[in-house]
Amino acid sequence: MTATIYIGSRIDQPDDNQLTLLIEFAISRGWNYIVFSENISIEETQSVKKELLVRLRRNEFDIVLVHKLRDWVCSLTKLINEISELL
């Protein structure tokens, strides 16, 4: 199984432990993984996430790991839309 780890750290709230925890989780499951990481703010577009979504649409990964859902999306509606699109 190939996992992708997405770290979307808020510039004003960095969390250095996110990556370590998610890598340890993937390793404990025996998964291969690739890390996508970016610093984001409200004004910035999430270019790394956009690239990841393209690759997810191509079924390049089996699972996405994120530490906090708020790092992935800022609204429940957007989360539901993205999940529905990828299923």
C-alpha atoms as a PDB file:
ATOM      1  CA  MET A   1       0.000   0.000   0.000  1.00  0.00           C
ATOM      2  CA  THR A   2       1.272   3.462  -0.835  1.00  0.00           C
ATOM      3  CA  ALA A   3       0.314   6.350   1.408  1.00  0.00           C
ATOM      4  CA  THR A   4       0.739  10.029   0.906  1.00  0.00           C
ATOM      5  CA  ILE A   5       1.395  12.238   3.885  1.00  0.00           C
ATOM      6  CA  TYR A   6       0.102  15.790   3.518  1.00  0.00           C
ATOM      7  CA  ILE A   7       1.476  18.427   5.854  1.00  0.00           C
ATOM      8  CA  GLY A   8      -0.223  21.768   5.370  1.00  0.00           C
ATOM      9  CA  SER A   9       1.299  23.750   8.207  1.00  0.00           C
ATOM     10  CA  ARG A  10      -0.152  27.131   8.941  1.00  0.00           C
ATOM     11  CA  ILE A  11       2.586  29.737   8.819  1.00  0.00           C
ATOM     12  CA  ASP A  12       1.427  31.138  12.149  1.00  0.00           C
ATOM     13  CA  GLN A  13       1.068  27.674  13.772  1.00  0.00           C
ATOM     14  CA  PRO A  14       3.937  25.385  12.776  1.00  0.00           C
ATOM     15  CA  ASP A  15       3.876  21.871  14.233  1.00  0.00           C
ATOM     16  CA  ASP A  16       7.124  19.979  13.755  1.00  0.00           C
ATOM     17  CA  ASN A  17       5.734  16.780  15.273  1.00  0.00           C
ATOM     18  CA  GLN A  18       3.080  16.245  12.573  1.00  0.00           C
ATOM     19  CA  LEU A  19       5.451  14.729  10.055  1.00  0.00           C
ATOM     20  CA  THR A  20       7.169  12.488  12.586  1.00  0.00           C
ATOM     21  CA  LEU A  21       3.865  11.110  13.889  1.00  0.00           C
ATOM     22  CA  LEU A  22       2.490  10.397  10.429  1.00  0.00           C
ATOM     23  CA  ILE A  23       5.701   8.760   9.199  1.00  0.00           C
ATOM     24  CA  GLU A  24       5.776   6.539  12.286  1.00  0.00           C
ATOM     25  CA  PHE A  25       2.130   5.612  11.660  1.00  0.00           C
ATOM     26  CA  ALA A  26       2.806   4.681   8.020  1.00  0.00           C
ATOM     27  CA  ILE A  27       5.885   2.650   8.958  1.00  0.00           C
ATOM     28  CA  SER A  28       3.983   0.817  11.716  1.00  0.00           C
ATOM     29  CA  ARG A  29       1.466  -0.313   9.073  1.00  0.00           C
ATOM     30  CA  GLY A  30       4.188  -1.373   6.637  1.00  0.00           C
ATOM     31  CA  TRP A  31       3.139   1.242   4.080  1.00  0.00           C
ATOM     32  CA  ASN A  32       5.385   2.977   1.582  1.00  0.00           C
ATOM     33  CA  TYR A  33       4.842   6.728   1.731  1.00  0.00           C
ATOM     34  CA  ILE A  34       5.527   9.997  -0.041  1.00  0.00           C
ATOM     35  CA  VAL A  35       5.428  13.344   1.765  1.00  0.00           C
ATOM     36  CA  PHE A  36       3.752  16.468   0.396  1.00  0.00           C
ATOM     37  CA  SER A  37       4.454  19.495   2.552  1.00  0.00           C
ATOM     38  CA  GLU A  38       3.709  23.189   2.280  1.00  0.00           C
ATOM     39  CA  ASN A  39       3.354  26.270   4.434  1.00  0.00           C
ATOM     40  CA  ILE A  40      -0.021  27.851   3.849  1.00  0.00           C
ATOM     41  CA  SER A  41      -1.883  30.980   4.812  1.00  0.00           C
ATOM     42  CA  ILE A  42      -5.371  32.171   4.036  1.00  0.00           C
ATOM     43  CA  GLU A  43      -4.088  34.332   1.175  1.00  0.00           C
ATOM     44  CA  GLU A  44      -1.993  31.609  -0.489  1.00  0.00           C
ATOM     45  CA  THR A  45      -3.173  28.945  -2.854  1.00  0.00           C
ATOM     46  CA  GLN A  46      -2.345  25.402  -1.892  1.00  0.00           C
ATOM     47  CA  SER A  47      -0.224  24.500  -4.927  1.00  0.00           C
ATOM     48  CA  VAL A  48       1.261  21.364  -3.354  1.00  0.00           C
ATOM     49  CA  LYS A  49      -2.203  20.136  -2.405  1.00  0.00           C
ATOM     50  CA  LYS A  50      -3.434  20.806  -5.952  1.00  0.00           C
ATOM     51  CA  GLU A  51      -0.618  18.633  -7.321  1.00  0.00           C
ATOM     52  CA  LEU A  52      -1.480  15.927  -4.790  1.00  0.00           C
ATOM     53  CA  LEU A  53      -5.162  16.011  -5.818  1.00  0.00           C
ATOM     54  CA  VAL A  54      -4.165  15.497  -9.457  1.00  0.00           C
ATOM     55  CA  ARG A  55      -2.131  12.452  -8.477  1.00  0.00           C
ATOM     56  CA  LEU A  56      -4.952  11.129  -6.279  1.00  0.00           C
ATOM     57  CA  ARG A  57      -7.343  11.382  -9.238  1.00  0.00           C
ATOM     58  CA  ARG A  58      -4.888   9.157 -11.157  1.00  0.00           C
ATOM     59  CA  ASN A  59      -5.063   6.624  -8.289  1.00  0.00           C
ATOM     60  CA  GLU A  60      -1.336   6.899  -7.563  1.00  0.00           C
ATOM     61  CA  PHE A  61      -1.932   6.505  -3.812  1.00  0.00           C
ATOM     62  CA  ASP A  62      -4.075   4.205  -1.707  1.00  0.00           C
ATOM     63  CA  ILE A  63      -4.485   6.455   1.322  1.00  0.00           C
ATOM     64  CA  VAL A  64      -3.924  10.053   2.419  1.00  0.00           C
ATOM     65  CA  LEU A  65      -2.674  10.782   5.920  1.00  0.00           C
ATOM     66  CA  VAL A  66      -3.178  14.214   7.471  1.00  0.00           C
ATOM     67  CA  HIS A  67      -2.601  15.227  11.066  1.00  0.00           C
ATOM     68  CA  LYS A  68      -5.497  17.688  11.259  1.00  0.00           C
ATOM     69  CA  LEU A  69      -8.393  18.045   8.832  1.00  0.00           C
ATOM     70  CA  ARG A  70      -8.116  21.836   9.068  1.00  0.00           C
ATOM     71  CA  ASP A  71      -4.729  21.515   7.345  1.00  0.00           C
ATOM     72  CA  TRP A  72      -6.440  19.777   4.418  1.00  0.00           C
ATOM     73  CA  VAL A  73      -9.542  21.993   4.038  1.00  0.00           C
ATOM     74  CA  CYS A  74     -11.097  24.992   5.710  1.00  0.00           C
ATOM     75  CA  SER A  75     -14.757  23.996   5.337  1.00  0.00           C
ATOM     76  CA  LEU A  76     -16.844  20.882   5.729  1.00  0.00           C
ATOM     77  CA  THR A  77     -18.489  21.475   2.349  1.00  0.00           C
ATOM     78  CA  LYS A  78     -15.143  21.524   0.576  1.00  0.00           C
ATOM     79  CA  LEU A  79     -14.067  18.355   2.409  1.00  0.00           C
ATOM     80  CA  ILE A  80     -17.227  16.512   1.355  1.00  0.00           C
ATOM     81  CA  ASN A  81     -16.806  17.678  -2.260  1.00  0.00           C
ATOM     82  CA  GLU A  82     -13.171  16.557  -2.421  1.00  0.00           C
ATOM     83  CA  ILE A  83     -13.888  13.161  -0.870  1.00  0.00           C
ATOM     84  CA  SER A  84     -16.857  12.608  -3.200  1.00  0.00           C
ATOM     85  CA  GLU A  85     -14.715  13.466  -6.209  1.00  0.00           C
ATOM     86  CA  LEU A  86     -12.007  11.008  -5.212  1.00  0.00           C
ATOM     87  CA  LEU A  87     -14.293   8.059  -4.467  1.00  0.00           C
END
